[in-house]
Structures are given as C-alpha cells and as structure tokens.
Amino acid sequence: QVQLVESGGGLVQPGGSLRLSCAASGSIFSLNVMAWYRQAPGKQREWIAQIAGGGNTAYADSVKGRFTISRDNVKNTVYLEMNSLKPEDTAVYFCYAQIPHVWGQGTQVTVSS
C-alpha cells in the first residue's frame, strides 16, 4: 500500500518560485511512476508532470520549461520545482502514484500579487 502526503504549497507572487514535496510510504515507491496533477476552481484535474522509476520525465505544455519533477528513491519523496509562476498556476496540486492508483490530499498553490 502507498500513502502520499504533499507539502510546500502557499502564496507566491507572479514570477516567483515554489517547491512542492510528496512524501510516500510503501515499499514499491522506487518502482512506481509518480506524477503531479493540479485542479483549479471549477476545472477538471489536469496532469502536469510525471517521472518514471528510472528518472524519465514528461510535462504538460502548460508547464513545460517552467516546472521540474524529480524524485529521491531513498527518501521516498517526489518533488515539483515551479518557476516563473503565473496566476493561472493557482490550483490545488496533487501527488499521484500509478501503483496502486493512489492520490495525495493536495496542497494549495496560490499565485497572486
């Protein structure tokens, strides 16, 4: 079983940076595809980034070049570094583990001046 706990959200000004963390429990973390999603008010949950166990990454066009996903398989933690933040990045950000299809509870990111 995998449990995910996100942290690091908060209020940041446009153009600023923030780093989110997702701490995972479970013995299969190192083999898991991990991902970040986000959900803005009134919108569908959106996939934004993923990372495979071997380190291969992929990004949604909306965040490509600004966000970086990484993982530490020893610490059982996945990160999302967010740079050049825009107001439209405001959302609840969720960590996701493909196996066994588990979501974290989310952390709020608000980009506003």
N, C-alpha and C. Protein backbone atom coordinates (compact mmCIF):
# COMPACT_ATOMS: atom_id res chain seq x y z
N GLN A 1 0.83 -1.18 0.00
CA GLN A 1 0.00 0.00 0.00
C GLN A 1 0.88 1.25 0.00
N VAL A 2 0.45 2.27 -0.72
CA VAL A 2 1.16 3.53 -0.83
C VAL A 2 0.26 4.64 -0.27
N GLN A 3 0.85 5.50 0.55
CA GLN A 3 0.19 6.71 1.02
C GLN A 3 1.05 7.91 0.66
N LEU A 4 0.40 8.99 0.24
CA LEU A 4 1.10 10.17 -0.24
C LEU A 4 0.67 11.39 0.56
N VAL A 5 1.64 12.22 0.95
CA VAL A 5 1.38 13.45 1.68
C VAL A 5 2.14 14.58 1.01
N GLU A 6 1.40 15.54 0.47
CA GLU A 6 2.01 16.70 -0.18
C GLU A 6 2.28 17.80 0.83
N SER A 7 3.29 18.62 0.53
CA SER A 7 3.59 19.79 1.33
C SER A 7 4.31 20.81 0.47
N GLY A 8 4.42 22.03 0.97
CA GLY A 8 5.17 23.06 0.29
C GLY A 8 4.34 24.10 -0.42
N GLY A 9 3.05 23.93 -0.45
CA GLY A 9 2.20 24.92 -1.09
C GLY A 9 2.14 26.21 -0.29
N GLY A 10 1.60 27.24 -0.93
CA GLY A 10 1.48 28.52 -0.27
C GLY A 10 1.18 29.62 -1.25
N LEU A 11 1.35 30.85 -0.79
CA LEU A 11 1.10 32.04 -1.58
C LEU A 11 2.41 32.57 -2.13
N VAL A 12 2.45 32.83 -3.43
CA VAL A 12 3.65 33.34 -4.07
C VAL A 12 3.26 34.38 -5.11
N GLN A 13 4.12 35.35 -5.33
CA GLN A 13 3.86 36.39 -6.32
C GLN A 13 4.13 35.88 -7.72
N PRO A 14 3.46 36.45 -8.73
CA PRO A 14 3.77 36.09 -10.11
C PRO A 14 5.26 36.24 -10.40
N GLY A 15 5.81 35.27 -11.11
CA GLY A 15 7.23 35.25 -11.40
C GLY A 15 8.06 34.57 -10.35
N GLY A 16 7.46 34.24 -9.23
CA GLY A 16 8.17 33.60 -8.15
C GLY A 16 8.31 32.11 -8.33
N SER A 17 8.89 31.46 -7.33
CA SER A 17 9.16 30.03 -7.37
C SER A 17 8.65 29.36 -6.11
N LEU A 18 8.38 28.08 -6.24
CA LEU A 18 7.92 27.27 -5.13
C LEU A 18 8.31 25.83 -5.40
N ARG A 19 8.62 25.09 -4.34
CA ARG A 19 8.93 23.68 -4.48
C ARG A 19 7.98 22.85 -3.63
N LEU A 20 7.29 21.94 -4.28
CA LEU A 20 6.38 21.04 -3.61
C LEU A 20 7.08 19.71 -3.34
N SER A 21 6.69 19.07 -2.25
CA SER A 21 7.20 17.76 -1.91
C SER A 21 6.05 16.79 -1.73
N CYS A 22 6.29 15.55 -2.04
CA CYS A 22 5.32 14.48 -1.84
C CYS A 22 6.04 13.33 -1.19
N ALA A 23 5.74 13.10 0.08
CA ALA A 23 6.34 12.01 0.82
C ALA A 23 5.48 10.78 0.70
N ALA A 24 6.08 9.68 0.29
CA ALA A 24 5.35 8.45 0.04
C ALA A 24 5.77 7.36 1.01
N SER A 25 4.80 6.62 1.46
CA SER A 25 5.05 5.40 2.21
C SER A 25 4.74 4.21 1.32
N GLY A 26 5.43 3.11 1.56
CA GLY A 26 5.21 1.94 0.74
C GLY A 26 6.50 1.43 0.14
N SER A 27 6.62 0.14 0.04
CA SER A 27 7.87 -0.47 -0.37
C SER A 27 8.11 -0.44 -1.87
N ILE A 28 7.11 -0.07 -2.66
CA ILE A 28 7.25 -0.09 -4.11
C ILE A 28 7.50 1.29 -4.70
N PHE A 29 7.82 2.27 -3.88
CA PHE A 29 7.99 3.63 -4.38
C PHE A 29 9.01 3.71 -5.51
N SER A 30 10.15 3.05 -5.35
CA SER A 30 11.22 3.17 -6.33
C SER A 30 10.85 2.61 -7.69
N LEU A 31 9.84 1.76 -7.75
CA LEU A 31 9.41 1.15 -9.00
C LEU A 31 8.21 1.86 -9.62
N ASN A 32 7.68 2.85 -8.93
CA ASN A 32 6.43 3.46 -9.30
C ASN A 32 6.63 4.64 -10.24
N VAL A 33 5.72 4.79 -11.18
CA VAL A 33 5.60 6.06 -11.90
C VAL A 33 4.87 7.03 -10.98
N MET A 34 5.48 8.19 -10.75
CA MET A 34 4.89 9.22 -9.91
C MET A 34 4.54 10.42 -10.77
N ALA A 35 3.52 11.14 -10.37
CA ALA A 35 3.06 12.26 -11.17
C ALA A 35 2.51 13.37 -10.29
N TRP A 36 2.47 14.55 -10.85
CA TRP A 36 1.78 15.69 -10.26
C TRP A 36 0.62 16.08 -11.15
N TYR A 37 -0.50 16.34 -10.51
CA TYR A 37 -1.68 16.88 -11.15
C TYR A 37 -2.07 18.16 -10.42
N ARG A 38 -2.94 18.93 -11.04
CA ARG A 38 -3.48 20.10 -10.37
C ARG A 38 -4.93 20.29 -10.76
N GLN A 39 -5.66 20.96 -9.90
CA GLN A 39 -7.05 21.24 -10.16
C GLN A 39 -7.37 22.65 -9.70
N ALA A 40 -7.70 23.50 -10.66
CA ALA A 40 -8.10 24.86 -10.39
C ALA A 40 -9.60 24.90 -10.12
N PRO A 41 -10.08 25.94 -9.43
CA PRO A 41 -11.51 26.02 -9.14
C PRO A 41 -12.36 25.94 -10.39
N GLY A 42 -13.35 25.06 -10.37
CA GLY A 42 -14.26 24.92 -11.49
C GLY A 42 -13.72 24.19 -12.69
N LYS A 43 -12.52 23.62 -12.58
CA LYS A 43 -11.90 22.95 -13.71
C LYS A 43 -11.60 21.48 -13.39
N GLN A 44 -11.37 20.71 -14.45
CA GLN A 44 -11.00 19.31 -14.30
C GLN A 44 -9.58 19.19 -13.78
N ARG A 45 -9.31 18.08 -13.12
CA ARG A 45 -7.96 17.81 -12.68
C ARG A 45 -7.07 17.60 -13.90
N GLU A 46 -5.92 18.25 -13.90
CA GLU A 46 -5.03 18.31 -15.04
C GLU A 46 -3.69 17.63 -14.72
N TRP A 47 -3.27 16.71 -15.56
CA TRP A 47 -1.94 16.15 -15.45
C TRP A 47 -0.90 17.18 -15.87
N ILE A 48 0.17 17.33 -15.08
CA ILE A 48 1.17 18.32 -15.41
C ILE A 48 2.58 17.75 -15.52
N ALA A 49 2.88 16.66 -14.83
CA ALA A 49 4.24 16.12 -14.90
C ALA A 49 4.26 14.71 -14.36
N GLN A 50 5.22 13.91 -14.84
CA GLN A 50 5.40 12.56 -14.32
C GLN A 50 6.85 12.18 -14.39
N ILE A 51 7.22 11.21 -13.57
CA ILE A 51 8.58 10.71 -13.56
C ILE A 51 8.55 9.21 -13.32
N ALA A 52 9.26 8.47 -14.14
CA ALA A 52 9.37 7.03 -14.00
C ALA A 52 10.45 6.69 -12.98
N GLY A 53 10.47 5.42 -12.58
CA GLY A 53 11.45 4.99 -11.60
C GLY A 53 12.88 5.23 -12.03
N GLY A 54 13.15 5.11 -13.33
CA GLY A 54 14.47 5.33 -13.85
C GLY A 54 14.82 6.79 -14.09
N GLY A 55 13.86 7.69 -13.88
CA GLY A 55 14.13 9.11 -13.99
C GLY A 55 13.61 9.80 -15.23
N ASN A 56 13.03 9.07 -16.17
CA ASN A 56 12.46 9.70 -17.36
C ASN A 56 11.27 10.57 -16.97
N THR A 57 11.20 11.76 -17.54
CA THR A 57 10.18 12.73 -17.19
C THR A 57 9.37 13.16 -18.40
N ALA A 58 8.18 13.68 -18.12
CA ALA A 58 7.33 14.25 -19.14
C ALA A 58 6.52 15.37 -18.52
N TYR A 59 6.15 16.37 -19.33
CA TYR A 59 5.47 17.55 -18.83
C TYR A 59 4.34 17.95 -19.76
N ALA A 60 3.32 18.53 -19.16
CA ALA A 60 2.27 19.15 -19.94
C ALA A 60 2.79 20.43 -20.57
N ASP A 61 2.23 20.79 -21.71
CA ASP A 61 2.66 22.01 -22.40
C ASP A 61 2.50 23.25 -21.52
N SER A 62 1.51 23.24 -20.65
CA SER A 62 1.24 24.41 -19.83
C SER A 62 2.35 24.72 -18.84
N VAL A 63 3.17 23.73 -18.50
CA VAL A 63 4.22 23.93 -17.51
C VAL A 63 5.61 23.64 -18.05
N LYS A 64 5.70 23.16 -19.26
CA LYS A 64 6.99 22.78 -19.84
C LYS A 64 7.94 23.96 -19.85
N GLY A 65 9.16 23.73 -19.39
CA GLY A 65 10.16 24.77 -19.32
C GLY A 65 10.14 25.58 -18.05
N ARG A 66 9.08 25.45 -17.25
CA ARG A 66 8.98 26.19 -16.01
C ARG A 66 9.02 25.29 -14.78
N PHE A 67 8.46 24.08 -14.91
CA PHE A 67 8.38 23.15 -13.79
C PHE A 67 9.35 22.00 -14.00
N THR A 68 9.87 21.46 -12.91
CA THR A 68 10.75 20.30 -12.95
C THR A 68 10.32 19.29 -11.91
N ILE A 69 10.09 18.06 -12.34
CA ILE A 69 9.76 16.98 -11.43
C ILE A 69 11.01 16.15 -11.18
N SER A 70 11.19 15.72 -9.95
CA SER A 70 12.33 14.88 -9.60
C SER A 70 11.92 13.94 -8.48
N ARG A 71 12.76 12.95 -8.20
CA ARG A 71 12.45 12.00 -7.14
C ARG A 71 13.71 11.56 -6.43
N ASP A 72 13.54 11.20 -5.18
CA ASP A 72 14.59 10.63 -4.36
C ASP A 72 14.06 9.29 -3.86
N ASN A 73 14.55 8.21 -4.45
CA ASN A 73 14.02 6.90 -4.12
C ASN A 73 14.46 6.40 -2.74
N VAL A 74 15.51 7.01 -2.18
CA VAL A 74 15.93 6.66 -0.83
C VAL A 74 15.02 7.31 0.19
N LYS A 75 14.68 8.57 -0.04
CA LYS A 75 13.79 9.30 0.85
C LYS A 75 12.32 9.05 0.56
N ASN A 76 12.03 8.32 -0.51
CA ASN A 76 10.65 8.06 -0.90
C ASN A 76 9.87 9.37 -1.08
N THR A 77 10.47 10.28 -1.81
CA THR A 77 9.90 11.61 -1.99
C THR A 77 10.00 12.03 -3.44
N VAL A 78 8.94 12.63 -3.94
CA VAL A 78 8.94 13.23 -5.27
C VAL A 78 8.74 14.73 -5.10
N TYR A 79 9.37 15.51 -5.96
CA TYR A 79 9.36 16.96 -5.86
C TYR A 79 8.83 17.59 -7.13
N LEU A 80 8.30 18.77 -6.99
CA LEU A 80 7.93 19.59 -8.14
C LEU A 80 8.46 20.99 -7.90
N GLU A 81 9.49 21.37 -8.65
CA GLU A 81 10.02 22.72 -8.59
C GLU A 81 9.29 23.57 -9.61
N MET A 82 8.68 24.64 -9.16
CA MET A 82 7.88 25.50 -10.00
C MET A 82 8.54 26.87 -10.07
N ASN A 83 8.86 27.29 -11.26
CA ASN A 83 9.49 28.59 -11.50
C ASN A 83 8.62 29.43 -12.43
N SER A 84 8.89 30.73 -12.44
CA SER A 84 8.16 31.66 -13.30
C SER A 84 6.65 31.46 -13.16
N LEU A 85 6.20 31.42 -11.94
CA LEU A 85 4.80 31.12 -11.68
C LEU A 85 3.88 32.22 -12.19
N LYS A 86 2.74 31.79 -12.68
CA LYS A 86 1.72 32.67 -13.23
C LYS A 86 0.44 32.54 -12.42
N PRO A 87 -0.40 33.56 -12.45
CA PRO A 87 -1.69 33.44 -11.74
C PRO A 87 -2.49 32.22 -12.16
N GLU A 88 -2.40 31.83 -13.42
CA GLU A 88 -3.13 30.67 -13.90
C GLU A 88 -2.59 29.35 -13.37
N ASP A 89 -1.46 29.38 -12.67
CA ASP A 89 -0.95 28.19 -12.00
C ASP A 89 -1.65 27.95 -10.67
N THR A 90 -2.46 28.88 -10.23
CA THR A 90 -3.19 28.74 -8.98
C THR A 90 -4.09 27.51 -9.04
N ALA A 91 -3.91 26.61 -8.09
CA ALA A 91 -4.66 25.35 -8.07
C ALA A 91 -4.28 24.58 -6.82
N VAL A 92 -5.03 23.52 -6.58
CA VAL A 92 -4.60 22.51 -5.63
C VAL A 92 -3.76 21.50 -6.38
N TYR A 93 -2.57 21.24 -5.88
CA TYR A 93 -1.64 20.33 -6.53
C TYR A 93 -1.65 18.99 -5.82
N PHE A 94 -1.81 17.93 -6.61
CA PHE A 94 -1.94 16.57 -6.09
C PHE A 94 -0.79 15.69 -6.56
N CYS A 95 -0.27 14.91 -5.66
CA CYS A 95 0.69 13.87 -5.98
C CYS A 95 -0.06 12.59 -6.31
N TYR A 96 0.49 11.79 -7.22
CA TYR A 96 -0.18 10.58 -7.67
C TYR A 96 0.83 9.46 -7.86
N ALA A 97 0.47 8.29 -7.39
CA ALA A 97 1.25 7.08 -7.61
C ALA A 97 0.47 6.14 -8.50
N GLN A 98 1.08 5.71 -9.60
CA GLN A 98 0.39 4.83 -10.54
C GLN A 98 -0.01 3.51 -9.90
N ILE A 99 0.87 2.94 -9.11
CA ILE A 99 0.61 1.70 -8.40
C ILE A 99 0.61 1.99 -6.91
N PRO A 100 -0.52 1.82 -6.24
CA PRO A 100 -1.78 1.24 -6.72
C PRO A 100 -2.88 2.26 -6.99
N HIS A 101 -2.60 3.24 -7.84
CA HIS A 101 -3.57 4.27 -8.18
C HIS A 101 -4.01 5.04 -6.93
N VAL A 102 -3.05 5.72 -6.32
CA VAL A 102 -3.27 6.43 -5.07
C VAL A 102 -2.99 7.92 -5.25
N TRP A 103 -3.85 8.75 -4.68
CA TRP A 103 -3.72 10.20 -4.69
C TRP A 103 -3.37 10.73 -3.31
N GLY A 104 -2.57 11.79 -3.27
CA GLY A 104 -2.43 12.54 -2.05
C GLY A 104 -3.63 13.44 -1.84
N GLN A 105 -3.66 14.15 -0.72
CA GLN A 105 -4.79 15.00 -0.39
C GLN A 105 -4.70 16.39 -1.01
N GLY A 106 -3.55 16.76 -1.51
CA GLY A 106 -3.38 18.02 -2.20
C GLY A 106 -2.79 19.11 -1.34
N THR A 107 -2.13 20.06 -1.99
CA THR A 107 -1.60 21.25 -1.34
C THR A 107 -1.91 22.46 -2.20
N GLN A 108 -2.38 23.52 -1.57
CA GLN A 108 -2.84 24.70 -2.30
C GLN A 108 -1.66 25.57 -2.71
N VAL A 109 -1.65 25.95 -3.98
CA VAL A 109 -0.70 26.92 -4.51
C VAL A 109 -1.49 28.11 -5.04
N THR A 110 -1.21 29.28 -4.52
CA THR A 110 -1.88 30.50 -4.96
C THR A 110 -0.84 31.48 -5.48
N VAL A 111 -0.99 31.90 -6.72
CA VAL A 111 -0.07 32.85 -7.35
C VAL A 111 -0.83 34.15 -7.54
N SER A 112 -0.46 35.14 -6.77
CA SER A 112 -1.19 36.40 -6.79
C SER A 112 -0.30 37.52 -6.26
N SER A 113 -0.50 38.71 -6.79
CA SER A 113 0.19 39.88 -6.30
C SER A 113 -0.67 40.66 -5.31
